[in-house]
Amino acid sequence: MSKLIVNQLDYARIKKCINDAKQFKSISNAEAEKLMFELNSAQIVEPMAIPSNVVTMNSIVKLSFLNNKKQVQFQIVYPEQANVRENKISIFSPIATALIGYKVKDEIEWIVPAGLTKIRIDEIIYQPEAAGDYNL
């Protein structure tokens, strides 16, 4: 699988969110470490250099669970914007952490309460950078 790609603004904002959350104990150390590992292993680029097929913050993503063919769609947002009823999922959620920086058609193994499952990114319905929204 190719290297994750994250834009500089997302990288800086997510790191700040992690530090704030750790200070207020609203994220576990394990979750914080996993997200930081993902961020630190990514290629960091200018927002304008992000390919349109990469999942970024505020992207609306459609994905499939390959074990049961179930499809879901949601937007990856910062913690204070999360709202499950509006399908806005916090970057601190395990699924958002698993998806950030990956591309359409990538398949990612993800651990759910029932065990290991595989998800595939089917489509990015909206990506801020592709729409020219570089400061979201």
N, C-alpha and C. Protein backbone atom coordinates (compact mmCIF):
# COMPACT_ATOMS: atom_id res chain seq x y z
N MET A 1 0.85 -1.18 0.00
CA MET A 1 0.00 0.00 0.00
C MET A 1 0.89 1.24 0.00
N SER A 2 0.41 2.26 -0.65
CA SER A 2 1.20 3.49 -0.76
C SER A 2 1.21 4.24 0.57
N LYS A 3 2.13 5.17 0.67
CA LYS A 3 2.28 5.97 1.88
C LYS A 3 1.09 6.91 2.05
N LEU A 4 0.68 7.10 3.29
CA LEU A 4 -0.40 8.03 3.59
C LEU A 4 0.02 9.44 3.22
N ILE A 5 -0.96 10.25 2.82
CA ILE A 5 -0.71 11.65 2.47
C ILE A 5 -1.63 12.51 3.33
N VAL A 6 -1.05 13.49 4.01
CA VAL A 6 -1.82 14.39 4.87
C VAL A 6 -1.38 15.82 4.56
N ASN A 7 -2.35 16.73 4.50
CA ASN A 7 -1.95 18.12 4.23
C ASN A 7 -1.46 18.79 5.52
N GLN A 8 -0.61 19.81 5.35
CA GLN A 8 0.04 20.48 6.50
C GLN A 8 -0.95 21.04 7.50
N LEU A 9 -2.03 21.66 7.01
CA LEU A 9 -3.02 22.24 7.92
C LEU A 9 -3.68 21.15 8.76
N ASP A 10 -4.10 20.05 8.11
CA ASP A 10 -4.72 18.95 8.86
C ASP A 10 -3.74 18.39 9.88
N TYR A 11 -2.49 18.20 9.46
CA TYR A 11 -1.47 17.65 10.35
C TYR A 11 -1.33 18.50 11.61
N ALA A 12 -1.17 19.81 11.43
CA ALA A 12 -1.00 20.72 12.58
C ALA A 12 -2.25 20.75 13.46
N ARG A 13 -3.41 20.80 12.83
CA ARG A 13 -4.67 20.88 13.61
C ARG A 13 -4.94 19.59 14.36
N ILE A 14 -4.71 18.45 13.71
CA ILE A 14 -4.95 17.17 14.39
C ILE A 14 -3.99 17.01 15.57
N LYS A 15 -2.71 17.38 15.37
CA LYS A 15 -1.75 17.30 16.49
C LYS A 15 -2.20 18.18 17.64
N LYS A 16 -2.70 19.38 17.35
CA LYS A 16 -3.18 20.27 18.41
C LYS A 16 -4.38 19.64 19.13
N CYS A 17 -5.30 19.06 18.36
CA CYS A 17 -6.46 18.39 18.95
C CYS A 17 -6.02 17.25 19.88
N ILE A 18 -5.03 16.48 19.45
CA ILE A 18 -4.54 15.38 20.27
C ILE A 18 -3.94 15.91 21.56
N ASN A 19 -3.10 16.94 21.47
CA ASN A 19 -2.49 17.52 22.67
C ASN A 19 -3.53 18.08 23.61
N ASP A 20 -4.53 18.80 23.06
CA ASP A 20 -5.62 19.34 23.89
C ASP A 20 -6.40 18.21 24.56
N ALA A 21 -6.73 17.18 23.79
CA ALA A 21 -7.52 16.07 24.31
C ALA A 21 -6.76 15.31 25.40
N LYS A 22 -5.45 15.15 25.21
CA LYS A 22 -4.66 14.48 26.25
C LYS A 22 -4.65 15.31 27.52
N GLN A 23 -4.56 16.62 27.38
CA GLN A 23 -4.55 17.51 28.54
C GLN A 23 -5.86 17.41 29.31
N PHE A 24 -6.98 17.30 28.58
CA PHE A 24 -8.30 17.21 29.22
C PHE A 24 -8.74 15.76 29.43
N LYS A 25 -7.84 14.83 29.11
CA LYS A 25 -8.11 13.40 29.29
C LYS A 25 -9.37 12.94 28.55
N SER A 26 -9.60 13.50 27.36
CA SER A 26 -10.74 13.09 26.55
C SER A 26 -10.34 12.14 25.44
N ILE A 27 -9.08 11.71 25.44
CA ILE A 27 -8.61 10.69 24.52
C ILE A 27 -7.65 9.80 25.31
N SER A 28 -7.73 8.50 25.06
CA SER A 28 -6.82 7.60 25.77
C SER A 28 -5.42 7.71 25.18
N ASN A 29 -4.44 7.34 25.96
CA ASN A 29 -3.06 7.37 25.46
C ASN A 29 -2.91 6.45 24.26
N ALA A 30 -3.57 5.29 24.30
CA ALA A 30 -3.47 4.34 23.19
C ALA A 30 -4.05 4.94 21.90
N GLU A 31 -5.21 5.58 22.01
CA GLU A 31 -5.81 6.22 20.82
C GLU A 31 -4.93 7.34 20.30
N ALA A 32 -4.40 8.16 21.21
CA ALA A 32 -3.53 9.26 20.83
C ALA A 32 -2.27 8.75 20.13
N GLU A 33 -1.68 7.69 20.68
CA GLU A 33 -0.47 7.13 20.09
C GLU A 33 -0.74 6.56 18.70
N LYS A 34 -1.88 5.90 18.52
CA LYS A 34 -2.20 5.31 17.21
C LYS A 34 -2.36 6.42 16.17
N LEU A 35 -3.08 7.47 16.52
CA LEU A 35 -3.29 8.57 15.58
C LEU A 35 -1.97 9.28 15.28
N MET A 36 -1.15 9.50 16.31
CA MET A 36 0.14 10.14 16.09
C MET A 36 1.05 9.27 15.21
N PHE A 37 0.99 7.96 15.40
CA PHE A 37 1.78 7.06 14.55
C PHE A 37 1.36 7.21 13.09
N GLU A 38 0.04 7.23 12.85
CA GLU A 38 -0.47 7.42 11.48
C GLU A 38 0.03 8.74 10.90
N LEU A 39 -0.09 9.81 11.68
CA LEU A 39 0.33 11.13 11.20
C LEU A 39 1.83 11.18 10.92
N ASN A 40 2.60 10.63 11.84
CA ASN A 40 4.05 10.71 11.70
C ASN A 40 4.60 9.82 10.59
N SER A 41 3.80 8.84 10.15
CA SER A 41 4.25 7.98 9.05
C SER A 41 3.80 8.52 7.69
N ALA A 42 3.02 9.59 7.70
CA ALA A 42 2.45 10.14 6.46
C ALA A 42 3.42 11.09 5.76
N GLN A 43 3.19 11.24 4.47
CA GLN A 43 3.87 12.28 3.70
C GLN A 43 3.06 13.56 3.91
N ILE A 44 3.70 14.62 4.38
CA ILE A 44 3.02 15.89 4.66
C ILE A 44 3.22 16.81 3.45
N VAL A 45 2.10 17.32 2.91
CA VAL A 45 2.17 18.16 1.71
C VAL A 45 1.32 19.41 1.91
N GLU A 46 1.53 20.39 1.05
CA GLU A 46 0.69 21.60 1.04
C GLU A 46 -0.74 21.20 0.69
N PRO A 47 -1.76 21.89 1.23
CA PRO A 47 -3.14 21.56 0.90
C PRO A 47 -3.42 21.50 -0.60
N MET A 48 -2.82 22.40 -1.38
CA MET A 48 -3.06 22.42 -2.82
C MET A 48 -2.44 21.22 -3.54
N ALA A 49 -1.54 20.50 -2.86
CA ALA A 49 -0.86 19.36 -3.48
C ALA A 49 -1.53 18.02 -3.16
N ILE A 50 -2.61 18.05 -2.40
CA ILE A 50 -3.31 16.81 -2.03
C ILE A 50 -4.07 16.28 -3.25
N PRO A 51 -3.84 15.03 -3.64
CA PRO A 51 -4.64 14.45 -4.73
C PRO A 51 -6.11 14.37 -4.32
N SER A 52 -7.00 14.47 -5.28
CA SER A 52 -8.44 14.50 -4.99
C SER A 52 -8.99 13.16 -4.53
N ASN A 53 -8.20 12.09 -4.61
CA ASN A 53 -8.68 10.77 -4.18
C ASN A 53 -8.19 10.37 -2.79
N VAL A 54 -7.68 11.35 -2.02
CA VAL A 54 -7.15 11.08 -0.67
C VAL A 54 -8.14 11.59 0.38
N VAL A 55 -8.37 10.79 1.42
CA VAL A 55 -9.25 11.18 2.51
C VAL A 55 -8.53 12.20 3.38
N THR A 56 -9.16 13.38 3.53
CA THR A 56 -8.62 14.46 4.36
C THR A 56 -9.68 14.85 5.39
N MET A 57 -9.30 15.75 6.28
CA MET A 57 -10.28 16.27 7.24
C MET A 57 -11.41 16.94 6.48
N ASN A 58 -12.62 16.77 6.97
CA ASN A 58 -13.85 17.31 6.40
C ASN A 58 -14.29 16.63 5.12
N SER A 59 -13.58 15.56 4.72
CA SER A 59 -14.01 14.78 3.56
C SER A 59 -15.28 14.02 3.91
N ILE A 60 -16.14 13.86 2.91
CA ILE A 60 -17.31 12.98 3.03
C ILE A 60 -16.95 11.72 2.25
N VAL A 61 -16.94 10.60 2.97
CA VAL A 61 -16.41 9.35 2.45
C VAL A 61 -17.49 8.28 2.42
N LYS A 62 -17.50 7.49 1.34
CA LYS A 62 -18.36 6.32 1.26
C LYS A 62 -17.45 5.11 1.29
N LEU A 63 -17.75 4.16 2.19
CA LEU A 63 -16.93 2.98 2.28
C LEU A 63 -17.77 1.73 2.45
N SER A 64 -17.13 0.59 2.16
CA SER A 64 -17.80 -0.71 2.28
C SER A 64 -17.06 -1.58 3.28
N PHE A 65 -17.84 -2.31 4.07
CA PHE A 65 -17.29 -3.35 4.92
C PHE A 65 -17.27 -4.61 4.05
N LEU A 66 -16.10 -5.12 3.75
CA LEU A 66 -15.98 -6.20 2.78
C LEU A 66 -16.51 -7.53 3.29
N ASN A 67 -16.59 -7.69 4.63
CA ASN A 67 -17.08 -8.96 5.17
C ASN A 67 -18.59 -9.11 5.02
N ASN A 68 -19.34 -8.00 5.01
CA ASN A 68 -20.80 -8.10 4.90
C ASN A 68 -21.39 -7.21 3.82
N LYS A 69 -20.54 -6.55 3.03
CA LYS A 69 -20.95 -5.69 1.91
C LYS A 69 -21.77 -4.47 2.34
N LYS A 70 -21.80 -4.17 3.63
CA LYS A 70 -22.52 -3.00 4.11
C LYS A 70 -21.78 -1.74 3.69
N GLN A 71 -22.52 -0.72 3.23
CA GLN A 71 -21.92 0.56 2.87
C GLN A 71 -22.36 1.62 3.87
N VAL A 72 -21.43 2.51 4.20
CA VAL A 72 -21.73 3.64 5.06
C VAL A 72 -21.10 4.89 4.46
N GLN A 73 -21.65 6.02 4.87
CA GLN A 73 -21.13 7.30 4.41
C GLN A 73 -21.09 8.25 5.59
N PHE A 74 -20.00 8.99 5.74
CA PHE A 74 -19.90 9.98 6.81
C PHE A 74 -18.83 10.99 6.47
N GLN A 75 -18.80 12.05 7.28
CA GLN A 75 -17.81 13.11 7.14
C GLN A 75 -16.85 13.02 8.32
N ILE A 76 -15.55 13.15 8.05
CA ILE A 76 -14.54 13.14 9.11
C ILE A 76 -14.32 14.58 9.56
N VAL A 77 -14.56 14.83 10.86
CA VAL A 77 -14.50 16.19 11.39
C VAL A 77 -13.64 16.24 12.65
N TYR A 78 -13.37 17.46 13.10
CA TYR A 78 -12.67 17.64 14.37
C TYR A 78 -13.64 17.32 15.51
N PRO A 79 -13.12 16.93 16.68
CA PRO A 79 -13.98 16.45 17.77
C PRO A 79 -15.15 17.36 18.12
N GLU A 80 -14.93 18.66 18.15
CA GLU A 80 -16.02 19.57 18.56
C GLU A 80 -17.14 19.66 17.53
N GLN A 81 -16.92 19.17 16.31
CA GLN A 81 -17.94 19.20 15.26
C GLN A 81 -18.66 17.86 15.10
N ALA A 82 -18.21 16.84 15.83
CA ALA A 82 -18.79 15.50 15.69
C ALA A 82 -20.27 15.50 16.06
N ASN A 83 -21.06 14.79 15.24
CA ASN A 83 -22.49 14.66 15.48
C ASN A 83 -22.96 13.42 14.71
N VAL A 84 -23.18 12.35 15.43
CA VAL A 84 -23.53 11.08 14.79
C VAL A 84 -24.82 11.20 13.97
N ARG A 85 -25.80 11.96 14.45
CA ARG A 85 -27.06 12.11 13.71
C ARG A 85 -26.86 12.78 12.36
N GLU A 86 -25.82 13.61 12.25
CA GLU A 86 -25.50 14.27 10.98
C GLU A 86 -24.41 13.52 10.21
N ASN A 87 -24.08 12.31 10.67
CA ASN A 87 -23.03 11.49 10.06
C ASN A 87 -21.68 12.20 10.04
N LYS A 88 -21.40 12.94 11.10
CA LYS A 88 -20.11 13.62 11.26
C LYS A 88 -19.35 12.88 12.36
N ILE A 89 -18.25 12.23 11.95
CA ILE A 89 -17.49 11.37 12.83
C ILE A 89 -16.17 12.04 13.21
N SER A 90 -15.85 12.05 14.50
CA SER A 90 -14.62 12.67 15.00
C SER A 90 -13.39 11.95 14.48
N ILE A 91 -12.35 12.72 14.20
CA ILE A 91 -11.06 12.16 13.82
C ILE A 91 -10.54 11.23 14.92
N PHE A 92 -11.01 11.40 16.15
CA PHE A 92 -10.59 10.54 17.26
C PHE A 92 -11.28 9.18 17.23
N SER A 93 -12.31 9.01 16.41
CA SER A 93 -12.96 7.71 16.33
C SER A 93 -12.02 6.74 15.61
N PRO A 94 -12.03 5.48 16.00
CA PRO A 94 -11.11 4.52 15.37
C PRO A 94 -11.25 4.44 13.85
N ILE A 95 -12.47 4.53 13.34
CA ILE A 95 -12.63 4.41 11.88
C ILE A 95 -12.05 5.62 11.15
N ALA A 96 -12.23 6.81 11.71
CA ALA A 96 -11.66 8.00 11.07
C ALA A 96 -10.14 7.95 11.12
N THR A 97 -9.60 7.53 12.25
CA THR A 97 -8.15 7.37 12.38
C THR A 97 -7.63 6.39 11.34
N ALA A 98 -8.40 5.33 11.10
CA ALA A 98 -7.98 4.31 10.13
C ALA A 98 -8.01 4.83 8.70
N LEU A 99 -8.87 5.81 8.40
CA LEU A 99 -9.07 6.25 7.01
C LEU A 99 -8.23 7.45 6.59
N ILE A 100 -7.90 8.32 7.52
CA ILE A 100 -7.25 9.58 7.15
C ILE A 100 -5.96 9.32 6.37
N GLY A 101 -5.82 9.98 5.23
CA GLY A 101 -4.62 9.85 4.43
C GLY A 101 -4.63 8.73 3.40
N TYR A 102 -5.64 7.86 3.47
CA TYR A 102 -5.73 6.78 2.48
C TYR A 102 -6.49 7.24 1.25
N LYS A 103 -6.46 6.42 0.20
CA LYS A 103 -7.02 6.79 -1.10
C LYS A 103 -8.23 5.93 -1.46
N VAL A 104 -9.02 6.44 -2.40
CA VAL A 104 -10.12 5.67 -2.96
C VAL A 104 -9.57 4.34 -3.47
N LYS A 105 -10.29 3.28 -3.20
CA LYS A 105 -9.98 1.89 -3.55
C LYS A 105 -9.01 1.22 -2.59
N ASP A 106 -8.41 1.98 -1.65
CA ASP A 106 -7.55 1.34 -0.64
C ASP A 106 -8.42 0.46 0.24
N GLU A 107 -7.85 -0.67 0.67
CA GLU A 107 -8.51 -1.56 1.61
C GLU A 107 -7.71 -1.53 2.90
N ILE A 108 -8.42 -1.36 4.01
CA ILE A 108 -7.78 -1.18 5.31
C ILE A 108 -8.34 -2.21 6.27
N GLU A 109 -7.46 -2.90 6.99
CA GLU A 109 -7.92 -3.80 8.04
C GLU A 109 -8.21 -2.96 9.27
N TRP A 110 -9.34 -3.25 9.90
CA TRP A 110 -9.77 -2.46 11.03
C TRP A 110 -10.36 -3.38 12.09
N ILE A 111 -10.03 -3.14 13.34
CA ILE A 111 -10.53 -3.98 14.42
C ILE A 111 -11.81 -3.36 14.98
N VAL A 112 -12.88 -4.13 14.91
CA VAL A 112 -14.19 -3.75 15.46
C VAL A 112 -14.46 -4.66 16.66
N PRO A 113 -15.50 -4.36 17.45
CA PRO A 113 -15.77 -5.22 18.61
C PRO A 113 -15.89 -6.71 18.27
N ALA A 114 -16.38 -7.02 17.07
CA ALA A 114 -16.53 -8.43 16.68
C ALA A 114 -15.24 -9.04 16.15
N GLY A 115 -14.18 -8.24 16.02
CA GLY A 115 -12.91 -8.76 15.53
C GLY A 115 -12.40 -7.96 14.34
N LEU A 116 -11.49 -8.55 13.60
CA LEU A 116 -10.86 -7.89 12.46
C LEU A 116 -11.80 -7.87 11.27
N THR A 117 -11.92 -6.72 10.62
CA THR A 117 -12.71 -6.61 9.40
C THR A 117 -11.91 -5.81 8.39
N LYS A 118 -12.33 -5.86 7.15
CA LYS A 118 -11.67 -5.10 6.10
C LYS A 118 -12.66 -4.10 5.54
N ILE A 119 -12.20 -2.86 5.38
CA ILE A 119 -13.03 -1.83 4.77
C ILE A 119 -12.33 -1.32 3.51
N ARG A 120 -13.15 -0.89 2.56
CA ARG A 120 -12.63 -0.33 1.32
C ARG A 120 -13.22 1.06 1.13
N ILE A 121 -12.38 2.00 0.77
CA ILE A 121 -12.85 3.35 0.47
C ILE A 121 -13.40 3.32 -0.95
N ASP A 122 -14.71 3.47 -1.09
CA ASP A 122 -15.35 3.39 -2.40
C ASP A 122 -15.34 4.71 -3.14
N GLU A 123 -15.55 5.80 -2.38
CA GLU A 123 -15.70 7.09 -3.05
C GLU A 123 -15.48 8.22 -2.05
N ILE A 124 -14.93 9.30 -2.53
CA ILE A 124 -14.88 10.53 -1.73
C ILE A 124 -15.89 11.47 -2.39
N ILE A 125 -16.99 11.69 -1.70
CA ILE A 125 -18.08 12.50 -2.25
C ILE A 125 -17.71 13.97 -2.22
N TYR A 126 -17.01 14.36 -1.16
CA TYR A 126 -16.55 15.75 -1.04
C TYR A 126 -15.19 15.73 -0.37
N GLN A 127 -14.25 16.44 -0.96
CA GLN A 127 -12.93 16.65 -0.35
C GLN A 127 -12.66 18.14 -0.43
N PRO A 128 -12.44 18.80 0.71
CA PRO A 128 -12.25 20.25 0.71
C PRO A 128 -11.20 20.74 -0.28
N GLU A 129 -10.06 20.07 -0.32
CA GLU A 129 -8.97 20.53 -1.18
C GLU A 129 -9.37 20.46 -2.66
N ALA A 130 -10.06 19.40 -3.06
CA ALA A 130 -10.50 19.28 -4.45
C ALA A 130 -11.51 20.35 -4.80
N ALA A 131 -12.28 20.80 -3.79
CA ALA A 131 -13.29 21.84 -4.01
C ALA A 131 -12.70 23.25 -3.88
N GLY A 132 -11.41 23.33 -3.56
CA GLY A 132 -10.76 24.65 -3.41
C GLY A 132 -10.96 25.26 -2.03
N ASP A 133 -11.48 24.46 -1.08
CA ASP A 133 -11.68 24.92 0.30
C ASP A 133 -10.46 24.55 1.14
N TYR A 134 -9.41 25.34 1.04
CA TYR A 134 -8.14 25.00 1.66
C TYR A 134 -8.05 25.33 3.14
N ASN A 135 -8.98 26.10 3.68
CA ASN A 135 -8.86 26.55 5.06
C ASN A 135 -9.90 25.97 6.01
N LEU A 136 -10.58 24.91 5.62
CA LEU A 136 -11.57 24.32 6.51
C LEU A 136 -10.91 23.63 7.68
